[in-house]
Protein backbone atom coordinates (compact mmCIF):
# COMPACT_ATOMS: atom_id res chain seq x y z
CA MET A 1 -22.16 0.96 29.65
CA GLY A 2 -22.02 4.07 27.91
CA PHE A 3 -18.55 5.68 27.49
CA ILE A 4 -17.25 9.20 26.47
CA GLY A 5 -14.97 9.60 23.76
CA VAL A 6 -13.30 12.54 23.54
CA TRP A 7 -10.96 14.39 20.69
CA VAL A 8 -8.28 17.23 21.77
CA LEU A 9 -6.55 19.10 19.71
CA ALA A 10 -3.88 21.37 21.46
CA PRO A 11 -0.76 23.36 20.77
CA VAL A 12 2.00 22.68 23.03
CA PRO A 13 5.59 23.22 22.49
CA ASP A 14 8.05 20.99 20.50
CA GLU A 15 9.73 19.39 23.76
CA VAL A 16 6.01 18.34 24.90
CA VAL A 17 5.45 16.66 21.30
CA ALA A 18 8.67 14.72 21.40
CA GLU A 19 8.17 13.42 24.79
CA LEU A 20 4.74 12.16 24.07
CA ALA A 21 5.83 10.56 21.10
CA ALA A 22 8.56 9.23 22.23
CA VAL A 23 6.33 7.49 24.47
CA VAL A 24 2.95 6.80 22.64
CA GLY A 25 4.01 7.00 18.71
CA PRO A 26 4.89 3.55 18.60
CA VAL A 27 1.51 2.74 20.20
CA VAL A 28 -0.61 4.74 17.06
CA GLU A 29 1.74 3.40 14.28
CA ALA A 30 1.59 -0.16 15.38
CA GLN A 31 -2.62 0.40 15.17
CA ARG A 32 -1.81 2.27 11.40
CA ASN A 33 0.44 -0.95 10.55
CA ASP A 34 -1.96 -3.50 11.61
CA PRO A 35 -2.89 -5.90 8.86
CA HIS A 36 -6.24 -6.00 9.96
CA THR A 37 -6.31 -2.04 9.95
CA ARG A 38 -5.13 -2.21 6.56
CA GLU A 39 -7.60 -4.44 5.56
CA LEU A 40 -10.62 -2.39 7.11
CA TRP A 41 -9.21 0.89 5.60
CA GLN A 42 -8.93 -0.22 2.01
CA HIS A 43 -12.59 -1.76 2.44
CA TRP A 44 -13.61 1.64 3.37
CA CYS A 45 -11.93 3.41 0.61
CA ALA A 46 -13.54 0.99 -1.77
CA ALA A 47 -17.02 1.78 -0.68
CA PRO A 48 -17.30 4.85 1.50
CA GLU A 49 -21.04 5.19 0.47
CA ALA A 50 -21.77 1.91 2.25
CA VAL A 51 -21.53 3.52 5.61
CA GLY A 52 -24.18 5.57 7.73
CA ALA A 53 -27.35 5.52 8.99
CA GLU A 54 -29.17 5.21 5.84
CA SER A 55 -26.80 2.40 4.05
CA THR A 56 -28.31 -0.79 4.48
CA ASP A 57 -25.07 -2.56 3.96
CA ARG A 58 -24.21 -3.06 8.13
CA ALA A 59 -21.51 -4.97 7.75
CA ALA A 60 -19.82 -1.84 6.17
CA THR A 61 -20.98 0.33 8.64
CA ALA A 62 -19.78 -2.10 11.50
CA ALA A 63 -16.21 -2.76 9.84
CA PHE A 64 -15.62 1.32 9.80
CA ASP A 65 -16.59 1.13 13.31
CA VAL A 66 -13.81 -0.93 14.41
CA LEU A 67 -11.46 0.98 11.87
CA SER A 68 -12.56 3.97 13.88
CA GLY A 69 -13.17 3.34 17.31
CA ALA A 70 -9.75 1.39 17.99
CA CYS A 71 -8.81 4.41 20.22
CA PRO A 72 -5.07 3.34 20.82
CA LEU A 73 -4.28 5.63 23.36
CA ASP A 74 -6.90 4.58 25.42
CA ALA A 75 -4.15 2.88 27.84
CA HIS A 76 -1.90 6.16 28.03
CA VAL A 77 -4.65 8.30 29.32
CA GLU A 78 -2.16 9.76 31.97
CA GLU A 79 0.45 10.52 29.87
CA LEU A 80 -1.99 12.72 27.39
CA TYR A 81 -3.32 14.56 30.82
CA ALA A 82 0.04 15.16 31.66
CA ALA A 83 0.95 16.69 28.15
CA LEU A 84 -2.14 18.78 27.77
CA ASP A 85 -1.52 20.08 31.32
CA ARG A 86 1.62 21.44 29.94
CA VAL A 87 -0.40 23.77 27.03
CA PRO A 88 1.00 27.33 27.81
CA ALA A 89 -1.60 29.64 29.03
CA ALA A 90 -1.45 31.84 25.96
CA TRP A 91 -2.60 28.48 24.06
CA ARG A 92 -5.18 27.31 25.85
CA PRO A 93 -8.01 29.54 23.90
CA LEU A 94 -6.75 27.33 20.72
CA VAL A 95 -7.71 24.20 22.46
CA LEU A 96 -10.22 22.20 20.09
CA THR A 97 -12.19 19.46 22.27
CA VAL A 98 -15.13 17.64 20.92
CA THR A 99 -16.61 14.96 22.66
CA CYS A 100 -18.92 12.11 22.05
CA ARG A 101 -21.38 9.64 23.99
CA LYS A 102 -20.73 6.17 23.10
CA GLY A 103 -18.87 7.31 20.00
CA PHE A 104 -15.68 8.78 18.79
CA PRO A 105 -15.53 12.48 17.28
CA ALA A 106 -12.72 11.68 14.86
CA ALA A 107 -15.07 9.22 13.17
CA ALA A 108 -17.70 11.29 12.57
CA LEU A 109 -15.14 13.81 10.50
CA ALA A 110 -14.03 10.73 8.66
CA HIS A 111 -17.60 10.00 8.07
CA GLY A 112 -17.85 13.66 7.00
CA LEU A 113 -14.80 13.84 4.89
CA GLY A 114 -14.85 10.53 3.42
CA PRO A 115 -11.40 8.64 2.97
CA ASP A 116 -9.83 11.17 0.06
CA ARG A 117 -10.15 13.87 2.21
CA PHE A 118 -9.64 12.48 5.64
CA GLY A 119 -6.41 10.64 4.24
CA ARG A 120 -5.19 14.06 3.60
CA LEU A 121 -5.17 15.19 7.55
CA PRO A 122 -1.72 14.12 9.42
CA GLY A 123 -1.65 11.15 11.70
CA TRP A 124 -4.09 8.34 12.18
CA PHE A 125 -7.79 8.67 13.01
CA GLY A 126 -7.18 11.91 15.05
CA ASP A 127 -3.83 11.03 16.62
CA PHE A 128 -0.65 12.82 15.57
CA PHE A 129 2.22 14.63 17.41
CA LEU A 130 3.74 17.08 15.57
CA ASP A 131 6.35 19.90 15.97
CA SER A 132 6.57 23.40 15.22
CA GLY A 133 8.13 22.36 11.62
CA GLN A 134 5.58 19.65 10.57
CA VAL A 135 2.50 21.53 11.42
CA ARG A 136 4.07 24.23 8.97
CA GLU A 137 4.45 22.14 6.37
CA ALA A 138 1.54 19.83 6.99
CA LEU A 139 -0.70 23.39 6.76
CA PRO A 140 -1.28 23.62 3.13
CA GLU A 141 -2.66 19.83 2.92
CA VAL A 142 -4.98 20.32 5.94
CA LEU A 143 -6.54 23.50 4.46
CA ALA A 144 -6.85 21.90 1.30
CA SER A 145 -8.69 18.98 2.79
CA LEU A 146 -11.10 21.06 4.65
CA ASP A 147 -11.48 23.51 2.18
CA LEU A 148 -15.21 22.25 0.64
CA PRO A 149 -17.07 23.88 -2.39
CA ASP A 150 -20.44 25.02 -1.23
CA GLY A 151 -21.91 22.31 -3.37
CA GLU A 152 -20.00 19.54 -1.18
CA ARG A 153 -20.17 21.56 2.02
CA PRO A 154 -23.95 20.53 3.03
CA ALA A 155 -23.77 16.63 2.30
CA VAL A 156 -20.17 16.85 4.30
CA GLU A 157 -22.07 18.45 7.11
CA ARG A 158 -25.05 16.04 7.49
CA ARG A 159 -22.35 13.09 7.15
CA THR A 160 -20.80 14.54 10.42
CA ALA A 161 -24.08 15.32 12.21
CA GLU A 162 -25.42 11.88 11.38
CA TRP A 163 -22.53 10.15 12.81
CA LEU A 164 -22.21 12.18 15.81
CA SER A 165 -25.70 11.98 16.23
CA ASP A 166 -27.08 8.35 15.29
CA TYR A 167 -23.91 6.57 16.22
CA GLY A 168 -22.04 8.48 18.67
CA GLY A 169 -25.40 10.01 20.77
CA GLY A 170 -23.55 13.32 20.30
CA ARG A 171 -24.73 16.73 19.68
CA PRO A 172 -25.22 17.31 15.77
CA GLU A 173 -23.83 20.88 16.07
CA GLU A 174 -20.69 19.84 16.82
CA ALA A 175 -20.10 18.87 13.56
CA VAL A 176 -19.52 22.86 13.08
CA ALA A 177 -16.83 22.55 15.41
CA LEU A 178 -15.22 19.80 13.86
CA LEU A 179 -15.53 21.24 10.54
CA GLY A 180 -14.63 24.72 10.94
CA GLY A 181 -12.50 25.15 14.02
CA ILE A 182 -9.70 22.62 12.98
CA GLY A 183 -8.62 24.69 9.72
CA PRO A 184 -8.07 28.08 12.38
CA LEU A 185 -6.66 26.44 15.00
CA TRP A 186 -4.17 24.59 12.55
CA GLN A 187 -3.37 28.32 10.91
CA ALA A 188 -2.90 29.76 14.73
CA ALA A 189 -0.11 27.05 15.60
CA ALA A 190 1.37 27.70 12.67
CA ASP A 191 1.50 31.62 13.35
CA ALA A 192 2.57 30.80 17.19
CA GLY A 193 5.52 28.71 16.26
CA ALA A 194 3.33 25.46 18.13
CA GLY A 195 3.66 22.16 17.77
CA LEU A 196 0.23 20.17 18.31
CA LEU A 197 -0.81 17.05 19.48
CA GLY A 198 -4.39 15.53 18.48
CA CYS A 199 -5.49 12.59 20.87
CA MET A 200 -8.67 10.85 20.77
CA PHE A 201 -9.44 8.91 23.98
CA VAL A 202 -11.88 7.96 26.25
CA PRO A 203 -11.17 9.48 30.10
CA GLY A 204 -10.37 7.52 32.55
């Protein structure tokens, strides 16, 4: 049976961040700190080039799929919807949504950027709950992680598109939305004094 993986990044008031983080923050932290999760993360960091459509290491690709596809917020979709409903009208044009049939968009970004760059982004595989102060504090590191030299960008775009299409059944052109949209969204949220939610889930 197929499914749709959705990754939403949305600016919200600080009180929405606090309310949602109190409910689902511990769920994400439990996933991050799980010993098996940490083992898979170290495995990926040791050989990110072993993952992908062109790799002959199927075990590495399967391990990355487990790591990036855990989707711990799936059990809290109603709480996520309620939080996203509270995005102020003035901020709704900033919301970034990427979908992937049979896969997870944040996994595509991770595969594209690699563990060093992706590991500099806040949260855990697309899930984060940051108030306005934390958004501003994280901005330089987020922009730096996505600031790709011209010589690197084609390979990063190819890997991101590869995961979206080959593993997620998604549209490879959404790689541009991921790589090109997060930085401007983050900057706009910081300028507006907004908090930010990052939520990866399968719609109920």
